[in-house]
PDB file of N, CA and C in Angstrom:
ATOM      1  N   MET A   1      70.450  77.171 186.184  1.00  0.00           N
ATOM      2  CA  MET A   1      71.328  76.097 185.804  1.00  0.00           C
ATOM      3  C   MET A   1      72.704  76.357 186.417  1.00  0.00           C
ATOM      4  N   LYS A   2      73.251  75.346 187.109  1.00  0.00           N
ATOM      5  CA  LYS A   2      74.540  75.475 187.783  1.00  0.00           C
ATOM      6  C   LYS A   2      75.674  75.174 186.811  1.00  0.00           C
ATOM      7  N   LYS A   3      76.662  76.079 186.779  1.00  0.00           N
ATOM      8  CA  LYS A   3      77.831  75.853 185.930  1.00  0.00           C
ATOM      9  C   LYS A   3      78.792  74.917 186.641  1.00  0.00           C
ATOM     10  N   GLU A   4      79.322  73.955 185.907  1.00  0.00           N
ATOM     11  CA  GLU A   4      80.342  73.082 186.470  1.00  0.00           C
ATOM     12  C   GLU A   4      81.676  73.794 186.383  1.00  0.00           C
ATOM     13  N   LYS A   5      82.408  73.771 187.495  1.00  0.00           N
ATOM     14  CA  LYS A   5      83.738  74.367 187.493  1.00  0.00           C
ATOM     15  C   LYS A   5      84.693  73.400 186.818  1.00  0.00           C
ATOM     16  N   LYS A   6      85.507  73.933 185.925  1.00  0.00           N
ATOM     17  CA  LYS A   6      86.476  73.101 185.231  1.00  0.00           C
ATOM     18  C   LYS A   6      87.575  72.694 186.212  1.00  0.00           C
ATOM     19  N   GLU A   7      87.941  71.432 186.144  1.00  0.00           N
ATOM     20  CA  GLU A   7      88.982  70.933 187.035  1.00  0.00           C
ATOM     21  C   GLU A   7      90.315  71.594 186.693  1.00  0.00           C
ATOM     22  N   GLN A   8      90.979  72.081 187.722  1.00  0.00           N
ATOM     23  CA  GLN A   8      92.277  72.710 187.537  1.00  0.00           C
ATOM     24  C   GLN A   8      93.343  71.633 187.398  1.00  0.00           C
ATOM     25  N   VAL A   9      94.441  71.993 186.748  1.00  0.00           N
ATOM     26  CA  VAL A   9      95.553  71.071 186.579  1.00  0.00           C
ATOM     27  C   VAL A   9      96.709  71.562 187.442  1.00  0.00           C
ATOM     28  N   PHE A  10      97.307  70.616 188.167  1.00  0.00           N
ATOM     29  CA  PHE A  10      98.439  70.932 189.029  1.00  0.00           C
ATOM     30  C   PHE A  10      99.598  70.000 188.711  1.00  0.00           C
ATOM     31  N   ALA A  11     100.802  70.476 189.034  1.00  0.00           N
ATOM     32  CA  ALA A  11     101.991  69.683 188.775  1.00  0.00           C
ATOM     33  C   ALA A  11     102.935  69.788 189.969  1.00  0.00           C
ATOM     34  N   LEU A  12     103.595  68.689 190.257  1.00  0.00           N
ATOM     35  CA  LEU A  12     104.598  68.642 191.308  1.00  0.00           C
ATOM     36  C   LEU A  12     105.959  68.848 190.654  1.00  0.00           C
ATOM     37  N   CYS A  13     106.719  69.813 191.159  1.00  0.00           N
ATOM     38  CA  CYS A  13     108.045  70.091 190.616  1.00  0.00           C
ATOM     39  C   CYS A  13     109.023  69.020 191.109  1.00  0.00           C
ATOM     40  N   VAL A  14     109.711  68.374 190.181  1.00  0.00           N
ATOM     41  CA  VAL A  14     110.698  67.356 190.537  1.00  0.00           C
ATOM     42  C   VAL A  14     112.106  67.750 190.089  1.00  0.00           C
ATOM     43  N   GLU A  15     112.226  68.863 189.374  1.00  0.00           N
ATOM     44  CA  GLU A  15     113.525  69.358 188.908  1.00  0.00           C
ATOM     45  C   GLU A  15     113.431  70.867 188.757  1.00  0.00           C
ATOM     46  N   ASN A  16     114.518  71.570 189.078  1.00  0.00           N
ATOM     47  CA  ASN A  16     114.511  73.022 188.921  1.00  0.00           C
ATOM     48  C   ASN A  16     115.853  73.553 188.430  1.00  0.00           C
ATOM     49  N   LYS A  17     116.552  72.743 187.672  1.00  0.00           N
ATOM     50  CA  LYS A  17     117.869  73.114 187.153  1.00  0.00           C
ATOM     51  C   LYS A  17     117.787  74.452 186.411  1.00  0.00           C
ATOM     52  N   ASP A  18     118.614  75.394 186.853  1.00  0.00           N
ATOM     53  CA  ASP A  18     118.706  76.723 186.229  1.00  0.00           C
ATOM     54  C   ASP A  18     117.405  77.526 186.307  1.00  0.00           C
ATOM     55  N   CYS A  19     116.519  77.200 187.241  1.00  0.00           N
ATOM     56  CA  CYS A  19     115.251  77.915 187.391  1.00  0.00           C
ATOM     57  C   CYS A  19     115.124  78.421 188.825  1.00  0.00           C
ATOM     58  N   GLU A  20     115.399  79.693 189.014  1.00  0.00           N
ATOM     59  CA  GLU A  20     115.350  80.268 190.355  1.00  0.00           C
ATOM     60  C   GLU A  20     113.927  80.418 190.878  1.00  0.00           C
ATOM     61  N   ASP A  21     112.936  80.398 189.998  1.00  0.00           N
ATOM     62  CA  ASP A  21     111.548  80.617 190.405  1.00  0.00           C
ATOM     63  C   ASP A  21     110.748  79.327 190.570  1.00  0.00           C
ATOM     64  N   LEU A  22     111.451  78.194 190.699  1.00  0.00           N
ATOM     65  CA  LEU A  22     110.792  76.917 190.965  1.00  0.00           C
ATOM     66  C   LEU A  22     111.415  76.276 192.193  1.00  0.00           C
ATOM     67  N   GLU A  23     110.581  75.632 193.011  1.00  0.00           N
ATOM     68  CA  GLU A  23     111.061  74.897 194.178  1.00  0.00           C
ATOM     69  C   GLU A  23     110.717  73.423 193.997  1.00  0.00           C
ATOM     70  N   LYS A  24     111.719  72.557 194.178  1.00  0.00           N
ATOM     71  CA  LYS A  24     111.453  71.118 194.115  1.00  0.00           C
ATOM     72  C   LYS A  24     110.460  70.729 195.201  1.00  0.00           C
ATOM     73  N   ARG A  25     109.631  69.743 194.889  1.00  0.00           N
ATOM     74  CA  ARG A  25     108.615  69.178 195.784  1.00  0.00           C
ATOM     75  C   ARG A  25     107.493  70.156 196.108  1.00  0.00           C
ATOM     76  N   LYS A  26     107.325  71.181 195.295  1.00  0.00           N
ATOM     77  CA  LYS A  26     106.222  72.130 195.485  1.00  0.00           C
ATOM     78  C   LYS A  26     105.195  71.925 194.369  1.00  0.00           C
ATOM     79  N   ILE A  27     103.927  72.152 194.707  1.00  0.00           N
ATOM     80  CA  ILE A  27     102.838  72.016 193.739  1.00  0.00           C
ATOM     81  C   ILE A  27     102.604  73.366 193.069  1.00  0.00           C
ATOM     82  N   TYR A  28     102.495  73.338 191.730  1.00  0.00           N
ATOM     83  CA  TYR A  28     102.252  74.541 190.941  1.00  0.00           C
ATOM     84  C   TYR A  28     101.003  74.368 190.081  1.00  0.00           C
ATOM     85  N   LYS A  29     100.343  75.477 189.829  1.00  0.00           N
ATOM     86  CA  LYS A  29      99.178  75.478 188.941  1.00  0.00           C
ATOM     87  C   LYS A  29      99.661  75.515 187.498  1.00  0.00           C
ATOM     88  N   VAL A  30      99.017  74.705 186.666  1.00  0.00           N
ATOM     89  CA  VAL A  30      99.331  74.647 185.238  1.00  0.00           C
ATOM     90  C   VAL A  30      98.223  75.355 184.474  1.00  0.00           C
ATOM     91  N   LEU A  31      98.609  76.254 183.582  1.00  0.00           N
ATOM     92  CA  LEU A  31      97.637  76.932 182.733  1.00  0.00           C
ATOM     93  C   LEU A  31      97.584  76.242 181.377  1.00  0.00           C
ATOM     94  N   PRO A  32      96.412  76.190 180.751  1.00  0.00           N
ATOM     95  CA  PRO A  32      96.301  75.542 179.449  1.00  0.00           C
ATOM     96  C   PRO A  32      97.110  76.271 178.382  1.00  0.00           C
ATOM     97  N   ASP A  33      97.889  75.522 177.618  1.00  0.00           N
ATOM     98  CA  ASP A  33      98.667  76.078 176.503  1.00  0.00           C
ATOM     99  C   ASP A  33      99.032  74.926 175.576  1.00  0.00           C
ATOM    100  N   GLU A  34      98.131  74.629 174.649  1.00  0.00           N
ATOM    101  CA  GLU A  34      98.322  73.480 173.759  1.00  0.00           C
ATOM    102  C   GLU A  34      99.597  73.599 172.939  1.00  0.00           C
ATOM    103  N   GLY A  35      99.914  74.803 172.485  1.00  0.00           N
ATOM    104  CA  GLY A  35     101.124  75.010 171.689  1.00  0.00           C
ATOM    105  C   GLY A  35     102.374  74.666 172.468  1.00  0.00           C
ATOM    106  N   ALA A  36     102.401  75.066 173.719  1.00  0.00           N
ATOM    107  CA  ALA A  36     103.561  74.777 174.571  1.00  0.00           C
ATOM    108  C   ALA A  36     103.685  73.273 174.806  1.00  0.00           C
ATOM    109  N   GLU A  37     102.551  72.613 175.057  1.00  0.00           N
ATOM    110  CA  GLU A  37     102.573  71.172 175.314  1.00  0.00           C
ATOM    111  C   GLU A  37     103.098  70.401 174.104  1.00  0.00           C
ATOM    112  N   ILE A  38     102.738  70.836 172.913  1.00  0.00           N
ATOM    113  CA  ILE A  38     103.234  70.184 171.695  1.00  0.00           C
ATOM    114  C   ILE A  38     104.755  70.268 171.626  1.00  0.00           C
ATOM    115  N   GLU A  39     105.300  71.369 172.125  1.00  0.00           N
ATOM    116  CA  GLU A  39     106.751  71.591 172.100  1.00  0.00           C
ATOM    117  C   GLU A  39     107.455  70.998 173.322  1.00  0.00           C
ATOM    118  N   GLY A  40     106.685  70.385 174.254  1.00  0.00           N
ATOM    119  CA  GLY A  40     107.290  69.748 175.424  1.00  0.00           C
ATOM    120  C   GLY A  40     107.415  70.641 176.642  1.00  0.00           C
ATOM    121  N   TYR A  41     106.586  71.679 176.711  1.00  0.00           N
ATOM    122  CA  TYR A  41     106.624  72.614 177.835  1.00  0.00           C
ATOM    123  C   TYR A  41     105.267  72.697 178.528  1.00  0.00           C
ATOM    124  N   LEU A  42     105.294  73.178 179.769  1.00  0.00           N
ATOM    125  CA  LEU A  42     104.077  73.480 180.512  1.00  0.00           C
ATOM    126  C   LEU A  42     104.101  74.951 180.896  1.00  0.00           C
ATOM    127  N   ARG A  43     102.943  75.585 180.868  1.00  0.00           N
ATOM    128  CA  ARG A  43     102.827  76.975 181.325  1.00  0.00           C
ATOM    129  C   ARG A  43     102.467  76.922 182.809  1.00  0.00           C
ATOM    130  N   ILE A  44     103.427  77.342 183.649  1.00  0.00           N
ATOM    131  CA  ILE A  44     103.339  77.220 185.096  1.00  0.00           C
ATOM    132  C   ILE A  44     103.307  78.600 185.744  1.00  0.00           C
ATOM    133  N   ILE A  45     102.469  78.770 186.757  1.00  0.00           N
ATOM    134  CA  ILE A  45     102.539  79.979 187.577  1.00  0.00           C
ATOM    135  C   ILE A  45     103.604  79.699 188.637  1.00  0.00           C
ATOM    136  N   ASP A  46     104.741  80.370 188.511  1.00  0.00           N
ATOM    137  CA  ASP A  46     105.880  80.076 189.374  1.00  0.00           C
ATOM    138  C   ASP A  46     105.931  80.973 190.613  1.00  0.00           C
ATOM    139  N   GLU A  47     107.070  80.970 191.307  1.00  0.00           N
ATOM    140  CA  GLU A  47     107.221  81.725 192.548  1.00  0.00           C
ATOM    141  C   GLU A  47     107.110  83.234 192.359  1.00  0.00           C
ATOM    142  N   SER A  48     107.328  83.711 191.136  1.00  0.00           N
ATOM    143  CA  SER A  48     107.208  85.146 190.868  1.00  0.00           C
ATOM    144  C   SER A  48     105.750  85.580 190.789  1.00  0.00           C
ATOM    145  N   GLY A  49     104.844  84.584 190.682  1.00  0.00           N
ATOM    146  CA  GLY A  49     103.419  84.879 190.534  1.00  0.00           C
ATOM    147  C   GLY A  49     103.004  85.055 189.087  1.00  0.00           C
ATOM    148  N   GLU A  50     103.954  84.954 188.183  1.00  0.00           N
ATOM    149  CA  GLU A  50     103.691  85.073 186.746  1.00  0.00           C
ATOM    150  C   GLU A  50     103.720  83.686 186.119  1.00  0.00           C
ATOM    151  N   ASP A  51     103.175  83.573 184.916  1.00  0.00           N
ATOM    152  CA  ASP A  51     103.224  82.285 184.226  1.00  0.00           C
ATOM    153  C   ASP A  51     104.344  82.289 183.196  1.00  0.00           C
ATOM    154  N   TYR A  52     105.097  81.195 183.186  1.00  0.00           N
ATOM    155  CA  TYR A  52     106.216  81.010 182.267  1.00  0.00           C
ATOM    156  C   TYR A  52     106.210  79.571 181.773  1.00  0.00           C
ATOM    157  N   LEU A  53     106.916  79.345 180.685  1.00  0.00           N
ATOM    158  CA  LEU A  53     107.050  77.999 180.143  1.00  0.00           C
ATOM    159  C   LEU A  53     108.256  77.309 180.766  1.00  0.00           C
ATOM    160  N   TYR A  54     108.036  76.060 181.175  1.00  0.00           N
ATOM    161  CA  TYR A  54     109.099  75.230 181.732  1.00  0.00           C
ATOM    162  C   TYR A  54     109.017  73.852 181.072  1.00  0.00           C
ATOM    163  N   PRO A  55     110.150  73.141 181.001  1.00  0.00           N
ATOM    164  CA  PRO A  55     110.119  71.791 180.420  1.00  0.00           C
ATOM    165  C   PRO A  55     109.159  70.877 181.177  1.00  0.00           C
ATOM    166  N   GLN A  56     108.392  70.083 180.432  1.00  0.00           N
ATOM    167  CA  GLN A  56     107.468  69.133 181.059  1.00  0.00           C
ATOM    168  C   GLN A  56     108.218  68.163 181.963  1.00  0.00           C
ATOM    169  N   SER A  57     109.465  67.858 181.629  1.00  0.00           N
ATOM    170  CA  SER A  57     110.244  66.895 182.399  1.00  0.00           C
ATOM    171  C   SER A  57     110.548  67.382 183.818  1.00  0.00           C
ATOM    172  N   TYR A  58     110.339  68.651 184.097  1.00  0.00           N
ATOM    173  CA  TYR A  58     110.567  69.204 185.427  1.00  0.00           C
ATOM    174  C   TYR A  58     109.386  68.940 186.360  1.00  0.00           C
ATOM    175  N   PHE A  59     108.306  68.354 185.836  1.00  0.00           N
ATOM    176  CA  PHE A  59     107.067  68.212 186.610  1.00  0.00           C
ATOM    177  C   PHE A  59     106.432  66.844 186.424  1.00  0.00           C
ATOM    178  N   VAL A  60     105.640  66.477 187.427  1.00  0.00           N
ATOM    179  CA  VAL A  60     104.753  65.324 187.333  1.00  0.00           C
ATOM    180  C   VAL A  60     103.351  65.878 187.530  1.00  0.00           C
ATOM    181  N   LEU A  61     102.484  65.670 186.542  1.00  0.00           N
ATOM    182  CA  LEU A  61     101.100  66.131 186.678  1.00  0.00           C
ATOM    183  C   LEU A  61     100.406  65.299 187.740  1.00  0.00           C
ATOM    184  N   ILE A  62      99.609  65.977 188.568  1.00  0.00           N
ATOM    185  CA  ILE A  62      98.913  65.287 189.647  1.00  0.00           C
ATOM    186  C   ILE A  62      97.438  65.656 189.638  1.00  0.00           C
ATOM    187  N   ARG A  63      96.617  64.725 190.078  1.00  0.00           N
ATOM    188  CA  ARG A  63      95.177  64.968 190.201  1.00  0.00           C
ATOM    189  C   ARG A  63      94.867  65.131 191.683  1.00  0.00           C
ATOM    190  N   LEU A  64      94.229  66.231 192.000  1.00  0.00           N
ATOM    191  CA  LEU A  64      93.909  66.538 193.391  1.00  0.00           C
ATOM    192  C   LEU A  64      92.400  66.490 193.605  1.00  0.00           C
ATOM    193  N   PRO A  65      91.969  66.072 194.796  1.00  0.00           N
ATOM    194  CA  PRO A  65      90.533  66.092 195.103  1.00  0.00           C
ATOM    195  C   PRO A  65      89.980  67.512 194.986  1.00  0.00           C
ATOM    196  N   ARG A  66      88.719  67.628 194.674  1.00  0.00           N
ATOM    197  CA  ARG A  66      88.059  68.931 194.490  1.00  0.00           C
ATOM    198  C   ARG A  66      88.283  69.846 195.697  1.00  0.00           C
ATOM    199  N   GLU A  67      88.209  69.293 196.910  1.00  0.00           N
ATOM    200  CA  GLU A  67      88.380  70.096 198.117  1.00  0.00           C
ATOM    201  C   GLU A  67      89.782  70.724 198.167  1.00  0.00           C
ATOM    202  N   VAL A  68      90.778  69.960 197.756  1.00  0.00           N
ATOM    203  CA  VAL A  68      92.150  70.469 197.753  1.00  0.00           C
ATOM    204  C   VAL A  68      92.294  71.536 196.676  1.00  0.00           C
ATOM    205  N   GLN A  69      91.679  71.321 195.523  1.00  0.00           N
ATOM    206  CA  GLN A  69      91.718  72.329 194.460  1.00  0.00           C
ATOM    207  C   GLN A  69      91.119  73.644 194.943  1.00  0.00           C
ATOM    208  N   GLU A  70      90.015  73.563 195.649  1.00  0.00           N
ATOM    209  CA  GLU A  70      89.366  74.764 196.176  1.00  0.00           C
ATOM    210  C   GLU A  70      90.268  75.479 197.184  1.00  0.00           C
ATOM    211  N   ALA A  71      90.910  74.707 198.061  1.00  0.00           N
ATOM    212  CA  ALA A  71      91.807  75.299 199.045  1.00  0.00           C
ATOM    213  C   ALA A  71      92.996  75.962 198.370  1.00  0.00           C
ATOM    214  N   LEU A  72      93.539  75.344 197.330  1.00  0.00           N
ATOM    215  CA  LEU A  72      94.676  75.927 196.619  1.00  0.00           C
ATOM    216  C   LEU A  72      94.261  77.149 195.809  1.00  0.00           C
ATOM    217  N   ARG A  73      93.031  77.168 195.341  1.00  0.00           N
ATOM    218  CA  ARG A  73      92.538  78.319 194.584  1.00  0.00           C
ATOM    219  C   ARG A  73      92.610  79.574 195.437  1.00  0.00           C
ATOM    220  N   VAL A  74      92.344  79.445 196.708  1.00  0.00           N
ATOM    221  CA  VAL A  74      92.373  80.586 197.628  1.00  0.00           C
ATOM    222  C   VAL A  74      93.804  81.052 197.858  1.00  0.00           C
ATOM    223  N   THR A  75      94.762  80.133 197.919  1.00  0.00           N
ATOM    224  CA  THR A  75      96.132  80.482 198.275  1.00  0.00           C
ATOM    225  C   THR A  75      97.030  80.780 197.086  1.00  0.00           C
ATOM    226  N   MET A  76      96.635  80.405 195.888  1.00  0.00           N
ATOM    227  CA  MET A  76      97.515  80.618 194.726  1.00  0.00           C
ATOM    228  C   MET A  76      97.136  81.865 193.985  1.00  0.00           C
TER     229      MET A  76
END
């Protein structure tokens, strides 16, 4: 039986005020964190390679084709 890969979530950075580890117009991987989302934050893997909470307003969630998700999986 083949396992279905869960679709990854990505976000485009549109604001980086006071955040040295975010670049505007760059795509970032979003990690699931329901508690953070309730509080208005997203858990993002930033330029440091670590995951941190950032305001949801700094990002626009985007849906990427499976092929693009696979390509980003290799590079992120």
